[in-house]
PDB file of N, CA and C in Angstrom:
ATOM      1  N   UNK A   1      51.182  23.035  -1.573  1.00  0.00           N
ATOM      2  CA  UNK A   1      51.874  23.530  -2.722  1.00  0.00           C
ATOM      3  C   UNK A   1      52.042  25.050  -2.569  1.00  0.00           C
ATOM      4  N   UNK A   2      53.207  25.536  -2.967  1.00  0.00           N
ATOM      5  CA  UNK A   2      53.515  26.952  -2.846  1.00  0.00           C
ATOM      6  C   UNK A   2      53.871  27.482  -4.226  1.00  0.00           C
ATOM      7  N   UNK A   3      53.108  28.445  -4.689  1.00  0.00           N
ATOM      8  CA  UNK A   3      53.407  29.081  -5.974  1.00  0.00           C
ATOM      9  C   UNK A   3      54.275  30.295  -5.696  1.00  0.00           C
ATOM     10  N   UNK A   4      55.392  30.374  -6.418  1.00  0.00           N
ATOM     11  CA  UNK A   4      56.304  31.500  -6.268  1.00  0.00           C
ATOM     12  C   UNK A   4      56.693  31.948  -7.668  1.00  0.00           C
ATOM     13  N   UNK A   5      56.530  33.261  -7.935  1.00  0.00           N
ATOM     14  CA  UNK A   5      56.694  33.767  -9.292  1.00  0.00           C
ATOM     15  C   UNK A   5      57.570  35.015  -9.332  1.00  0.00           C
ATOM     16  N   UNK A   6      58.585  34.962 -10.189  1.00  0.00           N
ATOM     17  CA  UNK A   6      59.427  36.126 -10.454  1.00  0.00           C
ATOM     18  C   UNK A   6      58.840  36.843 -11.658  1.00  0.00           C
ATOM     19  N   UNK A   7      58.331  38.038 -11.446  1.00  0.00           N
ATOM     20  CA  UNK A   7      57.778  38.855 -12.536  1.00  0.00           C
ATOM     21  C   UNK A   7      58.815  39.897 -12.942  1.00  0.00           C
ATOM     22  N   UNK A   8      58.950  40.109 -14.237  1.00  0.00           N
ATOM     23  CA  UNK A   8      59.901  41.072 -14.780  1.00  0.00           C
ATOM     24  C   UNK A   8      61.317  40.811 -14.262  1.00  0.00           C
ATOM     25  N   UNK A   9      61.653  39.539 -14.114  1.00  0.00           N
ATOM     26  CA  UNK A   9      62.986  39.081 -13.683  1.00  0.00           C
ATOM     27  C   UNK A   9      63.381  39.528 -12.282  1.00  0.00           C
ATOM     28  N   UNK A  10      62.425  40.022 -11.494  1.00  0.00           N
ATOM     29  CA  UNK A  10      62.733  40.474 -10.133  1.00  0.00           C
ATOM     30  C   UNK A  10      62.803  39.290  -9.170  1.00  0.00           C
ATOM     31  N   UNK A  11      63.600  39.470  -8.114  1.00  0.00           N
ATOM     32  CA  UNK A  11      63.665  38.456  -7.068  1.00  0.00           C
ATOM     33  C   UNK A  11      62.454  38.605  -6.155  1.00  0.00           C
ATOM     34  N   UNK A  12      61.828  37.483  -5.845  1.00  0.00           N
ATOM     35  CA  UNK A  12      60.659  37.457  -4.969  1.00  0.00           C
ATOM     36  C   UNK A  12      60.874  36.380  -3.918  1.00  0.00           C
ATOM     37  N   UNK A  13      60.540  36.697  -2.668  1.00  0.00           N
ATOM     38  CA  UNK A  13      60.570  35.704  -1.583  1.00  0.00           C
ATOM     39  C   UNK A  13      59.146  35.318  -1.262  1.00  0.00           C
ATOM     40  N   UNK A  14      58.919  34.013  -1.139  1.00  0.00           N
ATOM     41  CA  UNK A  14      57.594  33.502  -0.805  1.00  0.00           C
ATOM     42  C   UNK A  14      57.694  32.765   0.523  1.00  0.00           C
ATOM     43  N   UNK A  15      56.834  33.119   1.496  1.00  0.00           N
ATOM     44  CA  UNK A  15      56.882  32.444   2.793  1.00  0.00           C
ATOM     45  C   UNK A  15      56.638  30.935   2.640  1.00  0.00           C
ATOM     46  N   UNK A  16      57.470  30.160   3.316  1.00  0.00           N
ATOM     47  CA  UNK A  16      57.332  28.700   3.282  1.00  0.00           C
ATOM     48  C   UNK A  16      57.979  28.132   4.536  1.00  0.00           C
ATOM     49  N   UNK A  17      57.293  27.229   5.193  1.00  0.00           N
ATOM     50  CA  UNK A  17      57.834  26.596   6.389  1.00  0.00           C
ATOM     51  C   UNK A  17      58.671  25.388   5.970  1.00  0.00           C
ATOM     52  N   UNK A  18      59.909  25.657   5.552  1.00  0.00           N
ATOM     53  CA  UNK A  18      60.796  24.597   5.069  1.00  0.00           C
ATOM     54  C   UNK A  18      61.483  23.907   6.246  1.00  0.00           C
ATOM     55  N   UNK A  19      61.827  24.677   7.272  1.00  0.00           N
ATOM     56  CA  UNK A  19      62.531  24.097   8.419  1.00  0.00           C
ATOM     57  C   UNK A  19      63.816  23.437   7.961  1.00  0.00           C
ATOM     58  N   UNK A  20      64.016  22.183   8.354  1.00  0.00           N
ATOM     59  CA  UNK A  20      65.215  21.439   7.954  1.00  0.00           C
ATOM     60  C   UNK A  20      64.950  20.575   6.718  1.00  0.00           C
ATOM     61  N   UNK A  21      63.802  20.794   6.084  1.00  0.00           N
ATOM     62  CA  UNK A  21      63.427  20.001   4.919  1.00  0.00           C
ATOM     63  C   UNK A  21      64.072  20.482   3.639  1.00  0.00           C
ATOM     64  N   UNK A  22      63.489  20.051   2.532  1.00  0.00           N
ATOM     65  CA  UNK A  22      63.964  20.413   1.203  1.00  0.00           C
ATOM     66  C   UNK A  22      62.784  20.895   0.375  1.00  0.00           C
ATOM     67  N   UNK A  23      63.082  21.471  -0.759  1.00  0.00           N
ATOM     68  CA  UNK A  23      62.056  21.981  -1.665  1.00  0.00           C
ATOM     69  C   UNK A  23      62.262  21.332  -3.026  1.00  0.00           C
ATOM     70  N   UNK A  24      61.162  20.973  -3.678  1.00  0.00           N
ATOM     71  CA  UNK A  24      61.253  20.462  -5.042  1.00  0.00           C
ATOM     72  C   UNK A  24      60.206  21.148  -5.908  1.00  0.00           C
ATOM     73  N   UNK A  25      60.491  21.244  -7.189  1.00  0.00           N
ATOM     74  CA  UNK A  25      59.543  21.826  -8.136  1.00  0.00           C
ATOM     75  C   UNK A  25      58.522  20.760  -8.507  1.00  0.00           C
ATOM     76  N   UNK A  26      57.244  21.118  -8.381  1.00  0.00           N
ATOM     77  CA  UNK A  26      56.164  20.239  -8.811  1.00  0.00           C
ATOM     78  C   UNK A  26      55.845  20.535 -10.270  1.00  0.00           C
ATOM     79  N   UNK A  27      55.638  21.819 -10.580  1.00  0.00           N
ATOM     80  CA  UNK A  27      55.332  22.253 -11.941  1.00  0.00           C
ATOM     81  C   UNK A  27      56.044  23.566 -12.223  1.00  0.00           C
ATOM     82  N   UNK A  28      56.845  23.594 -13.268  1.00  0.00           N
ATOM     83  CA  UNK A  28      57.446  24.855 -13.691  1.00  0.00           C
ATOM     84  C   UNK A  28      56.440  25.563 -14.577  1.00  0.00           C
ATOM     85  N   UNK A  29      56.159  26.815 -14.274  1.00  0.00           N
ATOM     86  CA  UNK A  29      55.151  27.592 -14.991  1.00  0.00           C
ATOM     87  C   UNK A  29      55.761  28.545 -16.013  1.00  0.00           C
ATOM     88  N   UNK A  30      57.044  28.798 -15.911  1.00  0.00           N
ATOM     89  CA  UNK A  30      57.707  29.785 -16.766  1.00  0.00           C
ATOM     90  C   UNK A  30      58.474  29.122 -17.897  1.00  0.00           C
ATOM     91  N   UNK A  31      58.742  29.927 -18.928  1.00  0.00           N
ATOM     92  CA  UNK A  31      59.644  29.492 -19.991  1.00  0.00           C
ATOM     93  C   UNK A  31      61.083  29.654 -19.533  1.00  0.00           C
ATOM     94  N   UNK A  32      61.313  30.627 -18.649  1.00  0.00           N
ATOM     95  CA  UNK A  32      62.648  30.824 -18.075  1.00  0.00           C
ATOM     96  C   UNK A  32      62.961  29.637 -17.181  1.00  0.00           C
ATOM     97  N   UNK A  33      64.186  29.125 -17.234  1.00  0.00           N
ATOM     98  CA  UNK A  33      64.514  27.951 -16.428  1.00  0.00           C
ATOM     99  C   UNK A  33      64.518  28.244 -14.926  1.00  0.00           C
ATOM    100  N   UNK A  34      64.092  27.269 -14.156  1.00  0.00           N
ATOM    101  CA  UNK A  34      64.160  27.325 -12.689  1.00  0.00           C
ATOM    102  C   UNK A  34      65.275  26.380 -12.267  1.00  0.00           C
ATOM    103  N   UNK A  35      66.406  26.953 -11.900  1.00  0.00           N
ATOM    104  CA  UNK A  35      67.594  26.173 -11.556  1.00  0.00           C
ATOM    105  C   UNK A  35      67.953  26.458 -10.104  1.00  0.00           C
ATOM    106  N   UNK A  36      67.973  25.392  -9.299  1.00  0.00           N
ATOM    107  CA  UNK A  36      68.285  25.553  -7.870  1.00  0.00           C
ATOM    108  C   UNK A  36      69.655  26.187  -7.697  1.00  0.00           C
ATOM    109  N   UNK A  37      69.711  27.178  -6.816  1.00  0.00           N
ATOM    110  CA  UNK A  37      70.953  27.871  -6.527  1.00  0.00           C
ATOM    111  C   UNK A  37      71.244  29.011  -7.495  1.00  0.00           C
ATOM    112  N   UNK A  38      70.468  29.079  -8.571  1.00  0.00           N
ATOM    113  CA  UNK A  38      70.673  30.127  -9.564  1.00  0.00           C
ATOM    114  C   UNK A  38      69.430  31.007  -9.701  1.00  0.00           C
ATOM    115  N   UNK A  39      68.323  30.404 -10.147  1.00  0.00           N
ATOM    116  CA  UNK A  39      67.093  31.192 -10.300  1.00  0.00           C
ATOM    117  C   UNK A  39      66.057  30.863  -9.233  1.00  0.00           C
ATOM    118  N   UNK A  40      66.372  29.917  -8.359  1.00  0.00           N
ATOM    119  CA  UNK A  40      65.550  29.708  -7.164  1.00  0.00           C
ATOM    120  C   UNK A  40      66.392  29.058  -6.088  1.00  0.00           C
ATOM    121  N   UNK A  41      66.002  29.270  -4.860  1.00  0.00           N
ATOM    122  CA  UNK A  41      66.641  28.622  -3.715  1.00  0.00           C
ATOM    123  C   UNK A  41      65.706  28.756  -2.527  1.00  0.00           C
ATOM    124  N   UNK A  42      66.125  28.288  -1.374  1.00  0.00           N
ATOM    125  CA  UNK A  42      65.263  28.321  -0.200  1.00  0.00           C
ATOM    126  C   UNK A  42      66.093  28.335   1.064  1.00  0.00           C
ATOM    127  N   UNK A  43      65.435  28.769   2.145  1.00  0.00           N
ATOM    128  CA  UNK A  43      66.022  28.681   3.477  1.00  0.00           C
ATOM    129  C   UNK A  43      64.927  28.130   4.390  1.00  0.00           C
ATOM    130  N   UNK A  44      65.097  28.217   5.682  1.00  0.00           N
ATOM    131  CA  UNK A  44      64.132  27.611   6.608  1.00  0.00           C
ATOM    132  C   UNK A  44      62.759  28.265   6.574  1.00  0.00           C
ATOM    133  N   UNK A  45      62.684  29.541   6.184  1.00  0.00           N
ATOM    134  CA  UNK A  45      61.411  30.264   6.226  1.00  0.00           C
ATOM    135  C   UNK A  45      60.821  30.626   4.869  1.00  0.00           C
ATOM    136  N   UNK A  46      61.586  30.466   3.781  1.00  0.00           N
ATOM    137  CA  UNK A  46      61.064  30.948   2.503  1.00  0.00           C
ATOM    138  C   UNK A  46      61.714  30.278   1.299  1.00  0.00           C
ATOM    139  N   UNK A  47      61.044  30.474   0.162  1.00  0.00           N
ATOM    140  CA  UNK A  47      61.571  30.103  -1.147  1.00  0.00           C
ATOM    141  C   UNK A  47      61.745  31.417  -1.891  1.00  0.00           C
ATOM    142  N   UNK A  48      62.833  31.572  -2.631  1.00  0.00           N
ATOM    143  CA  UNK A  48      62.971  32.761  -3.457  1.00  0.00           C
ATOM    144  C   UNK A  48      63.166  32.352  -4.903  1.00  0.00           C
ATOM    145  N   UNK A  49      62.647  33.190  -5.787  1.00  0.00           N
ATOM    146  CA  UNK A  49      62.798  32.983  -7.224  1.00  0.00           C
ATOM    147  C   UNK A  49      63.299  34.275  -7.857  1.00  0.00           C
ATOM    148  N   UNK A  50      63.961  34.171  -8.989  1.00  0.00           N
ATOM    149  CA  UNK A  50      64.452  35.337  -9.727  1.00  0.00           C
ATOM    150  C   UNK A  50      64.604  34.958 -11.194  1.00  0.00           C
ATOM    151  N   UNK A  51      65.005  35.927 -12.005  1.00  0.00           N
ATOM    152  CA  UNK A  51      65.281  35.709 -13.430  1.00  0.00           C
ATOM    153  C   UNK A  51      64.113  35.095 -14.190  1.00  0.00           C
ATOM    154  N   UNK A  52      62.875  35.432 -13.786  1.00  0.00           N
ATOM    155  CA  UNK A  52      61.699  34.955 -14.498  1.00  0.00           C
ATOM    156  C   UNK A  52      61.228  33.557 -14.131  1.00  0.00           C
ATOM    157  N   UNK A  53      61.861  32.928 -13.151  1.00  0.00           N
ATOM    158  CA  UNK A  53      61.424  31.588 -12.714  1.00  0.00           C
ATOM    159  C   UNK A  53      60.052  31.705 -12.048  1.00  0.00           C
ATOM    160  N   UNK A  54      59.127  30.901 -12.503  1.00  0.00           N
ATOM    161  CA  UNK A  54      57.797  30.803 -11.882  1.00  0.00           C
ATOM    162  C   UNK A  54      57.482  29.324 -11.768  1.00  0.00           C
ATOM    163  N   UNK A  55      57.091  28.891 -10.553  1.00  0.00           N
ATOM    164  CA  UNK A  55      56.845  27.460 -10.355  1.00  0.00           C
ATOM    165  C   UNK A  55      55.978  27.206  -9.130  1.00  0.00           C
ATOM    166  N   UNK A  56      55.387  26.017  -9.120  1.00  0.00           N
ATOM    167  CA  UNK A  56      54.734  25.487  -7.924  1.00  0.00           C
ATOM    168  C   UNK A  56      55.748  24.587  -7.243  1.00  0.00           C
ATOM    169  N   UNK A  57      55.972  24.832  -5.961  1.00  0.00           N
ATOM    170  CA  UNK A  57      56.960  24.084  -5.189  1.00  0.00           C
ATOM    171  C   UNK A  57      56.277  23.254  -4.113  1.00  0.00           C
ATOM    172  N   UNK A  58      56.963  22.206  -3.699  1.00  0.00           N
ATOM    173  CA  UNK A  58      56.498  21.376  -2.593  1.00  0.00           C
ATOM    174  C   UNK A  58      57.637  21.273  -1.584  1.00  0.00           C
ATOM    175  N   UNK A  59      57.288  21.378  -0.304  1.00  0.00           N
ATOM    176  CA  UNK A  59      58.261  21.201   0.772  1.00  0.00           C
ATOM    177  C   UNK A  59      58.270  19.726   1.152  1.00  0.00           C
ATOM    178  N   UNK A  60      59.464  19.150   1.166  1.00  0.00           N
ATOM    179  CA  UNK A  60      59.643  17.759   1.572  1.00  0.00           C
ATOM    180  C   UNK A  60      60.170  17.782   3.001  1.00  0.00           C
ATOM    181  N   UNK A  61      59.415  17.212   3.898  1.00  0.00           N
ATOM    182  CA  UNK A  61      59.771  17.254   5.320  1.00  0.00           C
ATOM    183  C   UNK A  61      61.079  16.520   5.580  1.00  0.00           C
ATOM    184  N   UNK A  62      61.843  17.058   6.508  1.00  0.00           N
ATOM    185  CA  UNK A  62      63.082  16.428   6.946  1.00  0.00           C
ATOM    186  C   UNK A  62      62.732  15.220   7.801  1.00  0.00           C
ATOM    187  N   UNK A  63      63.349  14.114   7.498  1.00  0.00           N
ATOM    188  CA  UNK A  63      63.138  12.892   8.275  1.00  0.00           C
ATOM    189  C   UNK A  63      64.481  12.507   8.877  1.00  0.00           C
ATOM    190  N   UNK A  64      64.521  12.453  10.174  1.00  0.00           N
ATOM    191  CA  UNK A  64      65.761  12.092  10.845  1.00  0.00           C
ATOM    192  C   UNK A  64      66.073  10.625  10.580  1.00  0.00           C
ATOM    193  N   UNK A  65      67.328  10.347  10.355  1.00  0.00           N
ATOM    194  CA  UNK A  65      67.753   8.975  10.067  1.00  0.00           C
ATOM    195  C   UNK A  65      67.620   8.106  11.310  1.00  0.00           C
ATOM    196  N   UNK A  66      67.286   6.861  11.061  1.00  0.00           N
ATOM    197  CA  UNK A  66      67.224   5.844  12.111  1.00  0.00           C
ATOM    198  C   UNK A  66      68.387   4.895  11.856  1.00  0.00           C
ATOM    199  N   UNK A  67      69.127   4.546  12.893  1.00  0.00           N
ATOM    200  CA  UNK A  67      70.213   3.587  12.739  1.00  0.00           C
ATOM    201  C   UNK A  67      69.703   2.181  13.018  1.00  0.00           C
ATOM    202  N   UNK A  68      69.984   1.277  12.093  1.00  0.00           N
ATOM    203  CA  UNK A  68      69.569  -0.117  12.228  1.00  0.00           C
ATOM    204  C   UNK A  68      70.828  -0.973  12.218  1.00  0.00           C
ATOM    205  N   UNK A  69      70.940  -1.852  13.195  1.00  0.00           N
ATOM    206  CA  UNK A  69      72.080  -2.754  13.283  1.00  0.00           C
ATOM    207  C   UNK A  69      71.680  -4.098  12.686  1.00  0.00           C
ATOM    208  N   UNK A  70      72.531  -4.629  11.827  1.00  0.00           N
ATOM    209  CA  UNK A  70      72.284  -5.934  11.224  1.00  0.00           C
ATOM    210  C   UNK A  70      73.568  -6.742  11.365  1.00  0.00           C
ATOM    211  N   UNK A  71      73.447  -7.974  11.920  1.00  0.00           N
ATOM    212  CA  UNK A  71      74.625  -8.764  12.245  1.00  0.00           C
ATOM    213  C   UNK A  71      74.527 -10.179  11.712  1.00  0.00           C
ATOM    214  N   UNK A  72      75.584 -10.601  11.016  1.00  0.00           N
ATOM    215  CA  UNK A  72      75.718 -11.990  10.583  1.00  0.00           C
ATOM    216  C   UNK A  72      76.409 -12.745  11.716  1.00  0.00           C
ATOM    217  N   UNK A  73      75.701 -13.695  12.294  1.00  0.00           N
ATOM    218  CA  UNK A  73      76.280 -14.485  13.391  1.00  0.00           C
ATOM    219  C   UNK A  73      76.612 -15.877  12.871  1.00  0.00           C
ATOM    220  N   UNK A  74      77.736 -16.406  13.340  1.00  0.00           N
ATOM    221  CA  UNK A  74      78.226 -17.720  12.920  1.00  0.00           C
ATOM    222  C   UNK A  74      78.347 -17.819  11.401  1.00  0.00           C
ATOM    223  N   UNK A  75      78.772 -16.714  10.790  1.00  0.00           N
ATOM    224  CA  UNK A  75      79.027 -16.652   9.348  1.00  0.00           C
ATOM    225  C   UNK A  75      77.773 -16.856   8.485  1.00  0.00           C
ATOM    226  N   UNK A  76      76.597 -16.765   9.091  1.00  0.00           N
ATOM    227  CA  UNK A  76      75.346 -17.015   8.361  1.00  0.00           C
ATOM    228  C   UNK A  76      74.744 -15.719   7.833  1.00  0.00           C
ATOM    229  N   UNK A  77      74.049 -15.841   6.710  1.00  0.00           N
ATOM    230  CA  UNK A  77      73.330 -14.711   6.117  1.00  0.00           C
ATOM    231  C   UNK A  77      72.156 -14.351   7.012  1.00  0.00           C
ATOM    232  N   UNK A  78      71.950 -13.056   7.163  1.00  0.00           N
ATOM    233  CA  UNK A  78      70.814 -12.580   7.954  1.00  0.00           C
ATOM    234  C   UNK A  78      70.132 -11.449   7.210  1.00  0.00           C
ATOM    235  N   UNK A  79      68.819 -11.513   7.140  1.00  0.00           N
ATOM    236  CA  UNK A  79      68.007 -10.461   6.535  1.00  0.00           C
ATOM    237  C   UNK A  79      67.473  -9.583   7.672  1.00  0.00           C
ATOM    238  N   UNK A  80      67.595  -8.286   7.522  1.00  0.00           N
ATOM    239  CA  UNK A  80      67.081  -7.347   8.510  1.00  0.00           C
ATOM    240  C   UNK A  80      66.039  -6.466   7.819  1.00  0.00           C
ATOM    241  N   UNK A  81      64.758  -6.719   8.091  1.00  0.00           N
ATOM    242  CA  UNK A  81      63.727  -5.916   7.422  1.00  0.00           C
ATOM    243  C   UNK A  81      63.749  -4.474   7.916  1.00  0.00           C
ATOM    244  N   UNK A  82      63.777  -3.548   6.980  1.00  0.00           N
ATOM    245  CA  UNK A  82      63.701  -2.125   7.285  1.00  0.00           C
ATOM    246  C   UNK A  82      62.825  -1.461   6.235  1.00  0.00           C
ATOM    247  N   UNK A  83      62.186  -0.377   6.640  1.00  0.00           N
ATOM    248  CA  UNK A  83      61.369   0.394   5.713  1.00  0.00           C
ATOM    249  C   UNK A  83      61.866   1.822   5.700  1.00  0.00           C
ATOM    250  N   UNK A  84      61.960   2.370   4.528  1.00  0.00           N
ATOM    251  CA  UNK A  84      62.395   3.750   4.365  1.00  0.00           C
ATOM    252  C   UNK A  84      62.640   4.046   2.908  1.00  0.00           C
ATOM    253  N   UNK A  85      62.761   5.326   2.610  1.00  0.00           N
ATOM    254  CA  UNK A  85      63.013   5.726   1.222  1.00  0.00           C
ATOM    255  C   UNK A  85      64.464   5.493   0.831  1.00  0.00           C
ATOM    256  N   UNK A  86      65.364   5.563   1.808  1.00  0.00           N
ATOM    257  CA  UNK A  86      66.769   5.316   1.487  1.00  0.00           C
ATOM    258  C   UNK A  86      67.440   4.555   2.614  1.00  0.00           C
ATOM    259  N   UNK A  87      68.320   3.656   2.225  1.00  0.00           N
ATOM    260  CA  UNK A  87      69.123   2.876   3.165  1.00  0.00           C
ATOM    261  C   UNK A  87      70.575   3.094   2.763  1.00  0.00           C
ATOM    262  N   UNK A  88      71.412   3.429   3.748  1.00  0.00           N
ATOM    263  CA  UNK A  88      72.814   3.720   3.464  1.00  0.00           C
ATOM    264  C   UNK A  88      73.696   3.054   4.509  1.00  0.00           C
ATOM    265  N   UNK A  89      74.789   2.432   4.065  1.00  0.00           N
ATOM    266  CA  UNK A  89      75.765   1.847   4.979  1.00  0.00           C
ATOM    267  C   UNK A  89      76.333   2.968   5.834  1.00  0.00           C
ATOM    268  N   UNK A  90      76.331   2.775   7.156  1.00  0.00           N
ATOM    269  CA  UNK A  90      76.815   3.814   8.050  1.00  0.00           C
ATOM    270  C   UNK A  90      78.199   3.483   8.607  1.00  0.00           C
ATOM    271  N   UNK A  91      78.309   2.316   9.295  1.00  0.00           N
ATOM    272  CA  UNK A  91      79.633   1.945   9.814  1.00  0.00           C
ATOM    273  C   UNK A  91      79.724   0.458  10.078  1.00  0.00           C
ATOM    274  N   UNK A  92      80.924  -0.052   9.927  1.00  0.00           N
ATOM    275  CA  UNK A  92      81.220  -1.459  10.169  1.00  0.00           C
ATOM    276  C   UNK A  92      81.462  -1.680  11.652  1.00  0.00           C
ATOM    277  N   UNK A  93      80.885  -2.761  12.189  1.00  0.00           N
ATOM    278  CA  UNK A  93      81.060  -3.094  13.600  1.00  0.00           C
ATOM    279  C   UNK A  93      81.930  -4.342  13.784  1.00  0.00           C
ATOM    280  N   UNK A  94      82.127  -5.095  12.731  1.00  0.00           N
ATOM    281  CA  UNK A  94      82.855  -6.369  12.817  1.00  0.00           C
ATOM    282  C   UNK A  94      84.298  -6.220  12.367  1.00  0.00           C
ATOM    283  N   UNK A  95      85.110  -7.204  12.738  1.00  0.00           N
ATOM    284  CA  UNK A  95      86.478  -7.275  12.210  1.00  0.00           C
ATOM    285  C   UNK A  95      86.433  -7.774  10.769  1.00  0.00           C
ATOM    286  N   UNK A  96      85.429  -8.580  10.468  1.00  0.00           N
ATOM    287  CA  UNK A  96      85.227  -9.064   9.102  1.00  0.00           C
ATOM    288  C   UNK A  96      84.824  -7.889   8.221  1.00  0.00           C
ATOM    289  N   UNK A  97      85.419  -7.808   7.047  1.00  0.00           N
ATOM    290  CA  UNK A  97      85.108  -6.708   6.125  1.00  0.00           C
ATOM    291  C   UNK A  97      83.666  -6.775   5.656  1.00  0.00           C
ATOM    292  N   UNK A  98      83.028  -5.622   5.632  1.00  0.00           N
ATOM    293  CA  UNK A  98      81.675  -5.504   5.092  1.00  0.00           C
ATOM    294  C   UNK A  98      81.818  -4.871   3.705  1.00  0.00           C
ATOM    295  N   UNK A  99      81.603  -5.682   2.673  1.00  0.00           N
ATOM    296  CA  UNK A  99      81.787  -5.249   1.297  1.00  0.00           C
ATOM    297  C   UNK A  99      80.450  -5.348   0.575  1.00  0.00           C
ATOM    298  N   UNK A 100      80.010  -4.212   0.003  1.00  0.00           N
ATOM    299  CA  UNK A 100      78.715  -4.170  -0.668  1.00  0.00           C
ATOM    300  C   UNK A 100      78.623  -5.226  -1.766  1.00  0.00           C
ATOM    301  N   UNK A 101      77.475  -5.890  -1.805  1.00  0.00           N
ATOM    302  CA  UNK A 101      77.143  -6.957  -2.752  1.00  0.00           C
ATOM    303  C   UNK A 101      77.968  -8.227  -2.576  1.00  0.00           C
ATOM    304  N   UNK A 102      78.807  -8.267  -1.536  1.00  0.00           N
ATOM    305  CA  UNK A 102      79.535  -9.491  -1.208  1.00  0.00           C
ATOM    306  C   UNK A 102      79.162  -9.968   0.188  1.00  0.00           C
ATOM    307  N   UNK A 103      79.334  -9.076   1.171  1.00  0.00           N
ATOM    308  CA  UNK A 103      78.983  -9.453   2.542  1.00  0.00           C
ATOM    309  C   UNK A 103      77.823  -8.628   3.093  1.00  0.00           C
ATOM    310  N   UNK A 104      77.336  -7.666   2.319  1.00  0.00           N
ATOM    311  CA  UNK A 104      76.115  -6.946   2.684  1.00  0.00           C
ATOM    312  C   UNK A 104      75.479  -6.385   1.408  1.00  0.00           C
ATOM    313  N   UNK A 105      74.165  -6.142   1.524  1.00  0.00           N
ATOM    314  CA  UNK A 105      73.461  -5.576   0.381  1.00  0.00           C
ATOM    315  C   UNK A 105      72.065  -5.135   0.771  1.00  0.00           C
ATOM    316  N   UNK A 106      71.381  -4.567  -0.204  1.00  0.00           N
ATOM    317  CA  UNK A 106      70.022  -4.073  -0.002  1.00  0.00           C
ATOM    318  C   UNK A 106      69.115  -4.788  -0.986  1.00  0.00           C
ATOM    319  N   UNK A 107      67.970  -5.255  -0.491  1.00  0.00           N
ATOM    320  CA  UNK A 107      66.988  -5.876  -1.369  1.00  0.00           C
ATOM    321  C   UNK A 107      65.609  -5.310  -1.044  1.00  0.00           C
ATOM    322  N   UNK A 108      64.566  -5.859  -1.638  1.00  0.00           N
ATOM    323  CA  UNK A 108      63.224  -5.292  -1.451  1.00  0.00           C
ATOM    324  C   UNK A 108      62.706  -5.430  -0.023  1.00  0.00           C
ATOM    325  N   UNK A 109      63.320  -6.274   0.776  1.00  0.00           N
ATOM    326  CA  UNK A 109      62.884  -6.465   2.162  1.00  0.00           C
ATOM    327  C   UNK A 109      63.636  -5.569   3.146  1.00  0.00           C
ATOM    328  N   UNK A 110      64.779  -5.070   2.730  1.00  0.00           N
ATOM    329  CA  UNK A 110      65.591  -4.249   3.615  1.00  0.00           C
ATOM    330  C   UNK A 110      67.062  -4.450   3.332  1.00  0.00           C
ATOM    331  N   UNK A 111      67.801  -4.855   4.354  1.00  0.00           N
ATOM    332  CA  UNK A 111      69.242  -5.035   4.213  1.00  0.00           C
ATOM    333  C   UNK A 111      69.605  -6.458   4.623  1.00  0.00           C
ATOM    334  N   UNK A 112      70.664  -6.995   4.030  1.00  0.00           N
ATOM    335  CA  UNK A 112      71.160  -8.313   4.408  1.00  0.00           C
ATOM    336  C   UNK A 112      72.659  -8.230   4.683  1.00  0.00           C
ATOM    337  N   UNK A 113      73.129  -9.117   5.562  1.00  0.00           N
ATOM    338  CA  UNK A 113      74.556  -9.252   5.844  1.00  0.00           C
ATOM    339  C   UNK A 113      74.903 -10.733   5.808  1.00  0.00           C
ATOM    340  N   UNK A 114      76.194 -11.034   5.588  1.00  0.00           N
ATOM    341  CA  UNK A 114      76.623 -12.426   5.458  1.00  0.00           C
ATOM    342  C   UNK A 114      78.094 -12.550   5.838  1.00  0.00           C
ATOM    343  N   UNK A 115      78.545 -13.769   6.095  1.00  0.00           N
ATOM    344  CA  UNK A 115      79.950 -14.119   6.346  1.00  0.00           C
ATOM    345  C   UNK A 115      80.612 -13.286   7.437  1.00  0.00           C
ATOM    346  N   UNK A 116      79.862 -12.999   8.516  1.00  0.00           N
ATOM    347  CA  UNK A 116      80.429 -12.322   9.663  1.00  0.00           C
ATOM    348  C   UNK A 116      80.371 -10.799   9.644  1.00  0.00           C
ATOM    349  N   UNK A 117      79.812 -10.239   8.608  1.00  0.00           N
ATOM    350  CA  UNK A 117      79.682  -8.773   8.553  1.00  0.00           C
ATOM    351  C   UNK A 117      78.658  -8.335   9.597  1.00  0.00           C
ATOM    352  N   UNK A 118      79.033  -7.363  10.405  1.00  0.00           N
ATOM    353  CA  UNK A 118      78.119  -6.704  11.346  1.00  0.00           C
ATOM    354  C   UNK A 118      78.248  -5.215  11.098  1.00  0.00           C
ATOM    355  N   UNK A 119      77.097  -4.536  10.921  1.00  0.00           N
ATOM    356  CA  UNK A 119      77.165  -3.121  10.559  1.00  0.00           C
ATOM    357  C   UNK A 119      75.910  -2.377  10.992  1.00  0.00           C
ATOM    358  N   UNK A 120      76.034  -1.053  10.982  1.00  0.00           N
ATOM    359  CA  UNK A 120      74.888  -0.178  11.183  1.00  0.00           C
ATOM    360  C   UNK A 120      74.539   0.469   9.858  1.00  0.00           C
ATOM    361  N   UNK A 121      73.227   0.635   9.636  1.00  0.00           N
ATOM    362  CA  UNK A 121      72.732   1.226   8.398  1.00  0.00           C
ATOM    363  C   UNK A 121      71.835   2.406   8.752  1.00  0.00           C
ATOM    364  N   UNK A 122      71.950   3.461   7.963  1.00  0.00           N
ATOM    365  CA  UNK A 122      71.140   4.659   8.164  1.00  0.00           C
ATOM    366  C   UNK A 122      69.902   4.541   7.269  1.00  0.00           C
ATOM    367  N   UNK A 123      68.740   4.623   7.902  1.00  0.00           N
ATOM    368  CA  UNK A 123      67.480   4.475   7.176  1.00  0.00           C
ATOM    369  C   UNK A 123      66.691   5.766   7.300  1.00  0.00           C
ATOM    370  N   UNK A 124      66.215   6.273   6.180  1.00  0.00           N
ATOM    371  CA  UNK A 124      65.386   7.488   6.138  1.00  0.00           C
ATOM    372  C   UNK A 124      64.079   7.169   5.452  1.00  0.00           C
TER     373      UNK A 124
END
């Protein structure tokens, strides 16, 4: 956790190893609002605050996407188990249209395809 505080509305930079990750507010400590891009922001090496924003921040590590291929063969439904915080349709590989909630979808086990849909999915 990184505490960064703007005192007397001054801009302050706080060292933080953000790299290619992101930053989120864990606890706002000030009455002044902490608004990303306005009263706080970040780059690869630091978080900055201004306009009275005071908060505890957390760095969320960058996770490179993994591509997962899922293919419906012989028009049959296929479940492809994947684990990740987010699953996103990346590209269609089949001539058959891949239409969300009709020929492909996401469920608690991962991703499914049906009726000839073949596609790649981005998993983070």
